[in-house]
Amino acid sequence: MTNRYKIRQNLISIGDDFWIENEAGQKVFKVDGKVLRVRKTLVFEDAKGKKLAQIQERLLTIKDTMVVEDADGKDLATIKKALFTPLRDRWDVKVKNGPDLDVQGNFLAHEYTIKDGRKTVAEVSKKWLRIADTYGVEIEDGQNDILMLAIAVAIDIMVDADEKEKKEKKEKLEKKK
């Protein structure tokens, strides 16, 4: 049996709080966007407000790197955009005390898989939901749901930042013409 969650993509940004709902529509995880920090931080809490994990942008590293930490601030995983991907976008997830994960697919469309080797451990998709600006995360049994959700949210943030940067560069080039 798998676990399915819903995330509203237009709510994901640093500084905003949002809820992740289960398949039944119940609010199960709150994501608190901490704005008064030097680096971007999102804190995952259960429905009662207990801190479960957090995502932090790493300063002074290659861009497109975020770290997922447990409730005590210990690193769980580092998410990094693969530097060379000839055909499609790819992200590498280095999991501390676990197998590394490979994330591939169409990130702008929210259609991608998280794999441990050849085995799919989670899938992100809009195809299960009819709600605009919402995507689903389906996580296989035996996986760390918070880690998989944090990976999806971190990639969403980094892809969005990349797209904004590309748009700004394009606008600057057009102004020079």
N, C-alpha and C. Protein backbone atom coordinates (compact mmCIF):
# COMPACT_ATOMS: atom_id res chain seq x y z
N MET A 1 0.85 -1.19 0.00
CA MET A 1 0.00 0.00 0.00
C MET A 1 0.89 1.25 0.00
N THR A 2 0.46 2.24 -0.71
CA THR A 2 1.23 3.48 -0.78
C THR A 2 0.51 4.59 -0.02
N ASN A 3 1.25 5.62 0.31
CA ASN A 3 0.67 6.81 0.93
C ASN A 3 0.65 7.92 -0.11
N ARG A 4 -0.47 8.60 -0.21
CA ARG A 4 -0.58 9.72 -1.15
C ARG A 4 -0.82 11.01 -0.39
N TYR A 5 -0.16 12.07 -0.87
CA TYR A 5 -0.28 13.39 -0.27
C TYR A 5 -0.55 14.43 -1.35
N LYS A 6 -1.16 15.54 -0.95
CA LYS A 6 -1.43 16.65 -1.87
C LYS A 6 -0.66 17.89 -1.40
N ILE A 7 -0.01 18.54 -2.37
CA ILE A 7 0.72 19.77 -2.08
C ILE A 7 0.26 20.83 -3.07
N ARG A 8 -0.07 22.00 -2.57
CA ARG A 8 -0.44 23.12 -3.45
C ARG A 8 0.82 23.85 -3.86
N GLN A 9 1.16 23.81 -5.14
CA GLN A 9 2.42 24.37 -5.60
C GLN A 9 2.50 25.87 -5.49
N ASN A 10 1.40 26.58 -5.65
CA ASN A 10 1.48 28.03 -5.60
C ASN A 10 1.70 28.56 -4.18
N LEU A 11 1.62 27.71 -3.20
CA LEU A 11 1.85 28.13 -1.82
C LEU A 11 3.29 27.93 -1.39
N ILE A 12 4.06 27.20 -2.17
CA ILE A 12 5.41 26.87 -1.76
C ILE A 12 6.35 28.00 -2.09
N SER A 13 6.74 28.70 -1.07
CA SER A 13 7.81 29.69 -1.20
C SER A 13 8.30 29.98 0.21
N ILE A 14 9.52 30.43 0.28
CA ILE A 14 10.08 30.73 1.59
C ILE A 14 9.31 31.89 2.18
N GLY A 15 8.90 31.75 3.42
CA GLY A 15 8.15 32.80 4.08
C GLY A 15 6.68 32.45 4.22
N ASP A 16 6.21 31.51 3.42
CA ASP A 16 4.81 31.10 3.49
C ASP A 16 4.68 29.82 4.31
N ASP A 17 3.54 29.68 4.97
CA ASP A 17 3.20 28.44 5.64
C ASP A 17 2.17 27.73 4.76
N PHE A 18 2.22 26.42 4.72
CA PHE A 18 1.20 25.67 3.98
C PHE A 18 1.07 24.29 4.60
N TRP A 19 -0.03 23.63 4.26
CA TRP A 19 -0.31 22.29 4.76
C TRP A 19 -0.15 21.26 3.64
N ILE A 20 0.32 20.09 4.03
CA ILE A 20 0.33 18.94 3.15
C ILE A 20 -0.81 18.05 3.64
N GLU A 21 -1.68 17.68 2.71
CA GLU A 21 -2.85 16.88 3.07
C GLU A 21 -2.66 15.43 2.63
N ASN A 22 -3.33 14.52 3.35
CA ASN A 22 -3.31 13.12 2.91
C ASN A 22 -4.38 12.93 1.84
N GLU A 23 -4.50 11.72 1.37
CA GLU A 23 -5.44 11.42 0.28
C GLU A 23 -6.88 11.73 0.65
N ALA A 24 -7.21 11.65 1.95
CA ALA A 24 -8.57 11.93 2.42
C ALA A 24 -8.83 13.42 2.60
N GLY A 25 -7.79 14.25 2.35
CA GLY A 25 -7.96 15.69 2.49
C GLY A 25 -7.67 16.22 3.89
N GLN A 26 -7.18 15.36 4.77
CA GLN A 26 -6.85 15.79 6.13
C GLN A 26 -5.48 16.46 6.14
N LYS A 27 -5.37 17.57 6.87
CA LYS A 27 -4.09 18.26 7.01
C LYS A 27 -3.21 17.44 7.94
N VAL A 28 -2.11 16.89 7.41
CA VAL A 28 -1.26 16.01 8.21
C VAL A 28 0.10 16.61 8.55
N PHE A 29 0.63 17.46 7.66
CA PHE A 29 1.93 18.09 7.93
C PHE A 29 1.84 19.58 7.61
N LYS A 30 2.33 20.39 8.53
CA LYS A 30 2.41 21.82 8.28
C LYS A 30 3.85 22.14 7.88
N VAL A 31 4.01 22.99 6.88
CA VAL A 31 5.34 23.43 6.48
C VAL A 31 5.40 24.93 6.77
N ASP A 32 6.30 25.28 7.67
CA ASP A 32 6.43 26.65 8.16
C ASP A 32 7.64 27.29 7.48
N GLY A 33 7.38 28.30 6.66
CA GLY A 33 8.46 29.02 5.97
C GLY A 33 9.05 30.07 6.88
N LYS A 34 10.27 29.85 7.33
CA LYS A 34 10.93 30.79 8.23
C LYS A 34 11.56 31.91 7.42
N VAL A 35 11.08 33.13 7.63
CA VAL A 35 11.53 34.25 6.82
C VAL A 35 12.68 35.02 7.48
N LEU A 36 12.75 35.02 8.75
CA LEU A 36 13.75 35.83 9.44
C LEU A 36 15.05 35.06 9.69
N ARG A 37 15.51 34.41 8.69
CA ARG A 37 16.75 33.64 8.76
C ARG A 37 17.67 34.11 7.65
N VAL A 38 18.97 33.91 7.83
CA VAL A 38 19.94 34.28 6.80
C VAL A 38 19.76 33.40 5.57
N ARG A 39 19.48 32.12 5.80
CA ARG A 39 19.29 31.22 4.66
C ARG A 39 17.86 30.71 4.64
N LYS A 40 17.44 30.31 3.47
CA LYS A 40 16.07 29.83 3.30
C LYS A 40 15.84 28.58 4.15
N THR A 41 14.74 28.57 4.89
CA THR A 41 14.44 27.44 5.76
C THR A 41 12.94 27.14 5.74
N LEU A 42 12.60 25.87 5.62
CA LEU A 42 11.23 25.41 5.75
C LEU A 42 11.21 24.33 6.83
N VAL A 43 10.31 24.46 7.80
CA VAL A 43 10.22 23.50 8.89
C VAL A 43 8.97 22.65 8.71
N PHE A 44 9.14 21.33 8.73
CA PHE A 44 8.02 20.38 8.64
C PHE A 44 7.58 20.03 10.06
N GLU A 45 6.27 20.17 10.32
CA GLU A 45 5.70 19.84 11.63
C GLU A 45 4.53 18.88 11.43
N ASP A 46 4.23 18.10 12.48
CA ASP A 46 3.02 17.29 12.39
C ASP A 46 1.82 18.20 12.67
N ALA A 47 0.61 17.65 12.63
CA ALA A 47 -0.60 18.46 12.78
C ALA A 47 -0.69 19.13 14.15
N LYS A 48 0.07 18.61 15.13
CA LYS A 48 0.05 19.19 16.48
C LYS A 48 1.17 20.21 16.70
N GLY A 49 1.99 20.43 15.67
CA GLY A 49 3.04 21.44 15.79
C GLY A 49 4.40 20.91 16.20
N LYS A 50 4.55 19.58 16.28
CA LYS A 50 5.85 18.99 16.65
C LYS A 50 6.78 19.00 15.43
N LYS A 51 7.97 19.57 15.61
CA LYS A 51 8.94 19.63 14.51
C LYS A 51 9.40 18.23 14.14
N LEU A 52 9.36 17.93 12.84
CA LEU A 52 9.76 16.62 12.34
C LEU A 52 11.04 16.69 11.50
N ALA A 53 11.18 17.78 10.74
CA ALA A 53 12.33 17.93 9.86
C ALA A 53 12.36 19.37 9.36
N GLN A 54 13.46 19.73 8.71
CA GLN A 54 13.51 21.03 8.06
C GLN A 54 14.39 20.96 6.82
N ILE A 55 14.11 21.87 5.89
CA ILE A 55 14.90 22.00 4.67
C ILE A 55 15.64 23.32 4.79
N GLN A 56 16.94 23.29 4.52
CA GLN A 56 17.72 24.53 4.54
C GLN A 56 18.55 24.64 3.28
N GLU A 57 18.58 25.86 2.77
CA GLU A 57 19.46 26.15 1.65
C GLU A 57 20.88 26.22 2.20
N ARG A 58 21.81 25.63 1.52
CA ARG A 58 23.21 25.68 1.93
C ARG A 58 23.86 26.93 1.37
N LEU A 59 24.45 27.72 2.22
CA LEU A 59 25.18 28.90 1.76
C LEU A 59 26.58 28.50 1.32
N LEU A 60 27.15 29.30 0.45
CA LEU A 60 28.53 29.12 -0.01
C LEU A 60 28.76 27.76 -0.68
N THR A 61 27.74 27.26 -1.34
CA THR A 61 27.91 26.03 -2.13
C THR A 61 27.42 26.31 -3.54
N ILE A 62 27.59 25.35 -4.38
CA ILE A 62 27.04 25.47 -5.73
C ILE A 62 25.54 25.66 -5.59
N LYS A 63 24.97 26.56 -6.42
CA LYS A 63 23.53 26.78 -6.29
C LYS A 63 22.77 25.49 -6.56
N ASP A 64 21.52 25.51 -6.25
CA ASP A 64 20.67 24.33 -6.41
C ASP A 64 21.08 23.20 -5.47
N THR A 65 21.35 23.56 -4.22
CA THR A 65 21.63 22.57 -3.19
C THR A 65 20.83 22.91 -1.94
N MET A 66 20.10 21.92 -1.44
CA MET A 66 19.38 22.08 -0.18
C MET A 66 19.63 20.84 0.66
N VAL A 67 19.53 21.03 1.97
CA VAL A 67 19.76 19.93 2.90
C VAL A 67 18.49 19.71 3.72
N VAL A 68 18.12 18.44 3.89
CA VAL A 68 17.02 18.06 4.75
C VAL A 68 17.64 17.62 6.07
N GLU A 69 17.16 18.21 7.16
CA GLU A 69 17.66 17.86 8.49
C GLU A 69 16.52 17.27 9.31
N ASP A 70 16.88 16.43 10.29
CA ASP A 70 15.85 15.90 11.18
C ASP A 70 15.48 16.96 12.22
N ALA A 71 14.61 16.62 13.14
CA ALA A 71 14.13 17.57 14.15
C ALA A 71 15.25 18.12 15.01
N ASP A 72 16.36 17.36 15.15
CA ASP A 72 17.49 17.79 15.98
C ASP A 72 18.56 18.54 15.18
N GLY A 73 18.30 18.77 13.90
CA GLY A 73 19.26 19.51 13.08
C GLY A 73 20.35 18.66 12.46
N LYS A 74 20.22 17.33 12.56
CA LYS A 74 21.20 16.44 11.94
C LYS A 74 20.82 16.20 10.48
N ASP A 75 21.81 16.22 9.59
CA ASP A 75 21.55 16.02 8.17
C ASP A 75 20.94 14.66 7.89
N LEU A 76 19.85 14.67 7.12
CA LEU A 76 19.24 13.42 6.63
C LEU A 76 19.64 13.18 5.18
N ALA A 77 19.63 14.28 4.39
CA ALA A 77 19.91 14.14 2.96
C ALA A 77 20.32 15.49 2.37
N THR A 78 21.12 15.42 1.31
CA THR A 78 21.50 16.60 0.54
C THR A 78 20.95 16.43 -0.86
N ILE A 79 20.22 17.44 -1.32
CA ILE A 79 19.58 17.41 -2.63
C ILE A 79 20.33 18.38 -3.53
N LYS A 80 20.81 17.87 -4.65
CA LYS A 80 21.65 18.67 -5.54
C LYS A 80 21.26 18.42 -6.98
N LYS A 81 21.19 19.48 -7.75
CA LYS A 81 20.92 19.31 -9.18
C LYS A 81 22.14 18.66 -9.82
N ALA A 82 21.91 17.63 -10.61
CA ALA A 82 23.02 16.98 -11.30
C ALA A 82 23.63 17.98 -12.28
N LEU A 83 24.96 18.06 -12.29
CA LEU A 83 25.61 19.07 -13.09
C LEU A 83 25.53 18.82 -14.58
N PHE A 84 25.61 17.58 -14.99
CA PHE A 84 25.56 17.29 -16.42
C PHE A 84 24.44 16.30 -16.71
N THR A 85 23.40 16.77 -17.36
CA THR A 85 22.30 15.89 -17.74
C THR A 85 21.92 16.22 -19.17
N PRO A 86 22.36 15.42 -20.11
CA PRO A 86 22.18 15.75 -21.53
C PRO A 86 20.73 15.75 -22.02
N LEU A 87 19.90 14.87 -21.53
CA LEU A 87 18.57 14.74 -22.11
C LEU A 87 17.45 15.29 -21.23
N ARG A 88 17.61 15.18 -19.93
CA ARG A 88 16.52 15.62 -19.05
C ARG A 88 17.09 16.07 -17.72
N ASP A 89 16.29 16.83 -16.98
CA ASP A 89 16.73 17.27 -15.66
C ASP A 89 16.85 16.08 -14.73
N ARG A 90 17.83 16.17 -13.85
CA ARG A 90 18.05 15.12 -12.88
C ARG A 90 18.56 15.73 -11.59
N TRP A 91 18.16 15.16 -10.49
CA TRP A 91 18.62 15.60 -9.17
C TRP A 91 19.20 14.39 -8.45
N ASP A 92 20.26 14.62 -7.72
CA ASP A 92 20.88 13.57 -6.90
C ASP A 92 20.55 13.85 -5.44
N VAL A 93 20.18 12.80 -4.72
CA VAL A 93 19.90 12.93 -3.29
C VAL A 93 20.85 11.99 -2.56
N LYS A 94 21.75 12.58 -1.81
CA LYS A 94 22.69 11.81 -0.99
C LYS A 94 22.05 11.64 0.39
N VAL A 95 21.64 10.41 0.70
CA VAL A 95 20.95 10.13 1.95
C VAL A 95 21.96 9.63 2.97
N LYS A 96 22.00 10.30 4.11
CA LYS A 96 22.90 9.86 5.18
C LYS A 96 22.30 8.59 5.79
N ASN A 97 23.09 7.58 5.98
CA ASN A 97 22.64 6.30 6.55
C ASN A 97 21.56 5.62 5.72
N GLY A 98 21.65 5.75 4.40
CA GLY A 98 20.69 5.10 3.53
C GLY A 98 21.16 5.16 2.09
N PRO A 99 20.42 4.51 1.21
CA PRO A 99 20.83 4.50 -0.20
C PRO A 99 20.61 5.88 -0.84
N ASP A 100 21.51 6.26 -1.73
CA ASP A 100 21.35 7.51 -2.47
C ASP A 100 20.19 7.34 -3.43
N LEU A 101 19.53 8.45 -3.73
CA LEU A 101 18.35 8.43 -4.59
C LEU A 101 18.59 9.25 -5.84
N ASP A 102 17.92 8.86 -6.91
CA ASP A 102 18.01 9.53 -8.20
C ASP A 102 16.61 10.05 -8.52
N VAL A 103 16.53 11.32 -8.90
CA VAL A 103 15.23 11.93 -9.19
C VAL A 103 15.26 12.41 -10.64
N GLN A 104 14.32 11.90 -11.45
CA GLN A 104 14.28 12.24 -12.87
C GLN A 104 12.87 12.46 -13.34
N GLY A 105 12.74 13.34 -14.35
CA GLY A 105 11.45 13.57 -14.96
C GLY A 105 11.29 14.99 -15.42
N ASN A 106 10.04 15.41 -15.55
CA ASN A 106 9.72 16.77 -15.96
C ASN A 106 9.33 17.55 -14.71
N PHE A 107 10.26 18.33 -14.20
CA PHE A 107 10.05 19.00 -12.92
C PHE A 107 9.09 20.17 -13.01
N LEU A 108 9.12 20.90 -14.12
CA LEU A 108 8.18 22.02 -14.28
C LEU A 108 6.73 21.53 -14.31
N ALA A 109 6.53 20.36 -14.89
CA ALA A 109 5.18 19.79 -14.99
C ALA A 109 4.81 18.97 -13.75
N HIS A 110 5.71 18.85 -12.81
CA HIS A 110 5.49 18.03 -11.61
C HIS A 110 5.14 16.59 -11.98
N GLU A 111 5.98 16.02 -12.84
CA GLU A 111 5.84 14.62 -13.26
C GLU A 111 7.23 13.99 -13.18
N TYR A 112 7.55 13.40 -12.03
CA TYR A 112 8.87 12.79 -11.89
C TYR A 112 8.87 11.68 -10.85
N THR A 113 9.94 10.88 -10.88
CA THR A 113 10.06 9.76 -9.96
C THR A 113 11.31 9.90 -9.11
N ILE A 114 11.22 9.36 -7.91
CA ILE A 114 12.36 9.26 -7.00
C ILE A 114 12.68 7.77 -6.91
N LYS A 115 13.93 7.43 -7.26
CA LYS A 115 14.29 6.01 -7.33
C LYS A 115 15.50 5.68 -6.46
N ASP A 116 15.47 4.48 -5.93
CA ASP A 116 16.60 3.87 -5.25
C ASP A 116 17.08 2.79 -6.22
N GLY A 117 18.11 3.14 -6.99
CA GLY A 117 18.53 2.24 -8.07
C GLY A 117 17.43 2.20 -9.12
N ARG A 118 16.93 1.00 -9.40
CA ARG A 118 15.85 0.87 -10.39
C ARG A 118 14.47 0.86 -9.74
N LYS A 119 14.43 0.83 -8.42
CA LYS A 119 13.16 0.73 -7.70
C LYS A 119 12.59 2.13 -7.41
N THR A 120 11.36 2.37 -7.88
CA THR A 120 10.68 3.64 -7.59
C THR A 120 10.24 3.63 -6.13
N VAL A 121 10.64 4.67 -5.39
CA VAL A 121 10.25 4.78 -3.98
C VAL A 121 9.21 5.87 -3.77
N ALA A 122 9.11 6.80 -4.74
CA ALA A 122 8.08 7.84 -4.67
C ALA A 122 7.87 8.40 -6.07
N GLU A 123 6.67 8.90 -6.29
CA GLU A 123 6.34 9.50 -7.57
C GLU A 123 5.59 10.80 -7.32
N VAL A 124 5.99 11.83 -8.06
CA VAL A 124 5.32 13.13 -7.97
C VAL A 124 4.55 13.31 -9.27
N SER A 125 3.26 13.67 -9.15
CA SER A 125 2.45 13.78 -10.36
C SER A 125 1.24 14.68 -10.12
N LYS A 126 0.79 15.29 -11.21
CA LYS A 126 -0.47 16.04 -11.18
C LYS A 126 -1.62 15.18 -11.68
N LYS A 127 -1.30 14.00 -12.23
CA LYS A 127 -2.32 13.22 -12.92
C LYS A 127 -3.42 12.67 -12.00
N TRP A 128 -3.17 12.56 -10.70
CA TRP A 128 -4.19 12.01 -9.79
C TRP A 128 -5.16 13.07 -9.32
N LEU A 129 -4.82 14.35 -9.52
CA LEU A 129 -5.61 15.42 -8.92
C LEU A 129 -6.24 16.31 -9.98
N ARG A 130 -7.42 16.77 -9.69
CA ARG A 130 -8.12 17.65 -10.60
C ARG A 130 -8.08 19.11 -10.12
N ILE A 131 -7.37 19.37 -9.08
CA ILE A 131 -7.29 20.72 -8.51
C ILE A 131 -6.12 21.46 -9.15
N ALA A 132 -6.37 22.65 -9.65
CA ALA A 132 -5.31 23.44 -10.29
C ALA A 132 -4.22 23.76 -9.28
N ASP A 133 -2.99 23.88 -9.76
CA ASP A 133 -1.83 24.24 -8.93
C ASP A 133 -1.60 23.29 -7.76
N THR A 134 -2.00 22.04 -7.92
CA THR A 134 -1.80 21.05 -6.86
C THR A 134 -1.18 19.80 -7.48
N TYR A 135 -0.24 19.22 -6.76
CA TYR A 135 0.33 17.97 -7.25
C TYR A 135 0.34 16.95 -6.12
N GLY A 136 0.45 15.69 -6.53
CA GLY A 136 0.44 14.61 -5.56
C GLY A 136 1.81 14.00 -5.40
N VAL A 137 2.04 13.44 -4.24
CA VAL A 137 3.26 12.68 -3.98
C VAL A 137 2.80 11.32 -3.46
N GLU A 138 3.14 10.27 -4.22
CA GLU A 138 2.79 8.91 -3.84
C GLU A 138 4.06 8.22 -3.37
N ILE A 139 4.03 7.73 -2.12
CA ILE A 139 5.22 7.17 -1.50
C ILE A 139 5.00 5.69 -1.21
N GLU A 140 5.95 4.89 -1.64
CA GLU A 140 5.86 3.45 -1.42
C GLU A 140 6.02 3.11 0.06
N ASP A 141 5.44 1.97 0.44
CA ASP A 141 5.57 1.49 1.83
C ASP A 141 7.03 1.32 2.21
N GLY A 142 7.33 1.56 3.46
CA GLY A 142 8.68 1.34 3.97
C GLY A 142 9.60 2.53 3.76
N GLN A 143 9.10 3.60 3.17
CA GLN A 143 9.91 4.79 2.96
C GLN A 143 9.65 5.81 4.07
N ASN A 144 10.56 6.76 4.20
CA ASN A 144 10.41 7.86 5.15
C ASN A 144 9.57 8.93 4.46
N ASP A 145 8.28 9.00 4.81
CA ASP A 145 7.37 9.92 4.13
C ASP A 145 7.84 11.37 4.23
N ILE A 146 8.28 11.79 5.41
CA ILE A 146 8.74 13.18 5.59
C ILE A 146 9.92 13.46 4.67
N LEU A 147 10.86 12.54 4.58
CA LEU A 147 12.02 12.74 3.71
C LEU A 147 11.57 12.86 2.25
N MET A 148 10.69 11.99 1.80
CA MET A 148 10.23 12.04 0.41
C MET A 148 9.48 13.34 0.13
N LEU A 149 8.63 13.78 1.07
CA LEU A 149 7.90 15.04 0.89
C LEU A 149 8.87 16.22 0.90
N ALA A 150 9.88 16.17 1.76
CA ALA A 150 10.87 17.25 1.83
C ALA A 150 11.66 17.33 0.52
N ILE A 151 11.98 16.19 -0.06
CA ILE A 151 12.69 16.17 -1.35
C ILE A 151 11.83 16.85 -2.41
N ALA A 152 10.54 16.49 -2.47
CA ALA A 152 9.64 17.08 -3.46
C ALA A 152 9.51 18.59 -3.27
N VAL A 153 9.36 19.04 -2.04
CA VAL A 153 9.22 20.48 -1.76
C VAL A 153 10.52 21.21 -2.09
N ALA A 154 11.66 20.65 -1.71
CA ALA A 154 12.96 21.30 -1.98
C ALA A 154 13.18 21.44 -3.48
N ILE A 155 12.90 20.39 -4.24
CA ILE A 155 13.06 20.46 -5.69
C ILE A 155 12.11 21.50 -6.28
N ASP A 156 10.88 21.54 -5.78
CA ASP A 156 9.91 22.52 -6.25
C ASP A 156 10.45 23.95 -6.05
N ILE A 157 11.00 24.21 -4.88
CA ILE A 157 11.55 25.53 -4.58
C ILE A 157 12.72 25.86 -5.51
N MET A 158 13.64 24.91 -5.68
CA MET A 158 14.82 25.17 -6.51
C MET A 158 14.47 25.32 -7.99
N VAL A 159 13.52 24.52 -8.48
CA VAL A 159 13.09 24.64 -9.88
C VAL A 159 12.42 26.00 -10.09
N ASP A 160 11.58 26.40 -9.14
CA ASP A 160 10.90 27.69 -9.23
C ASP A 160 11.92 28.84 -9.24
N ALA A 161 12.93 28.76 -8.37
CA ALA A 161 13.97 29.80 -8.33
C ALA A 161 14.74 29.85 -9.64
N ASP A 162 15.04 28.67 -10.21
CA ASP A 162 15.72 28.58 -11.51
C ASP A 162 14.90 29.25 -12.61
N GLU A 163 13.61 28.98 -12.63
CA GLU A 163 12.74 29.54 -13.66
C GLU A 163 12.64 31.06 -13.52
N LYS A 164 12.55 31.55 -12.28
CA LYS A 164 12.51 33.00 -12.07
C LYS A 164 13.80 33.65 -12.54
N GLU A 165 14.93 33.01 -12.26
CA GLU A 165 16.22 33.53 -12.69
C GLU A 165 16.32 33.57 -14.21
N LYS A 166 15.88 32.50 -14.87
CA LYS A 166 15.90 32.47 -16.34
C LYS A 166 15.02 33.58 -16.92
N LYS A 167 13.86 33.78 -16.32
CA LYS A 167 12.93 34.81 -16.79
C LYS A 167 13.55 36.20 -16.63
N GLU A 168 14.19 36.45 -15.48
CA GLU A 168 14.84 37.74 -15.25
C GLU A 168 15.96 37.98 -16.25
N LYS A 169 16.77 36.97 -16.52
CA LYS A 169 17.85 37.10 -17.50
C LYS A 169 17.30 37.41 -18.89
N LYS A 170 16.23 36.72 -19.25
CA LYS A 170 15.61 36.94 -20.56
C LYS A 170 15.09 38.37 -20.67
N GLU A 171 14.44 38.85 -19.59
CA GLU A 171 13.92 40.23 -19.60
C GLU A 171 15.05 41.25 -19.70
N LYS A 172 16.17 41.02 -19.02
CA LYS A 172 17.31 41.92 -19.10
C LYS A 172 17.88 41.96 -20.51
N LEU A 173 17.98 40.79 -21.16
CA LEU A 173 18.48 40.72 -22.53
C LEU A 173 17.55 41.47 -23.49
N GLU A 174 16.27 41.33 -23.28
CA GLU A 174 15.31 42.01 -24.16
C GLU A 174 15.36 43.52 -23.98
N LYS A 175 15.66 44.00 -22.77
CA LYS A 175 15.76 45.44 -22.50
C LYS A 175 16.99 46.03 -23.18
N LYS A 176 18.05 45.22 -23.30
CA LYS A 176 19.29 45.69 -23.94
C LYS A 176 19.13 45.87 -25.45
N LYS A 177 18.17 45.17 -26.03
CA LYS A 177 17.97 45.21 -27.49
C LYS A 177 17.38 46.53 -27.94
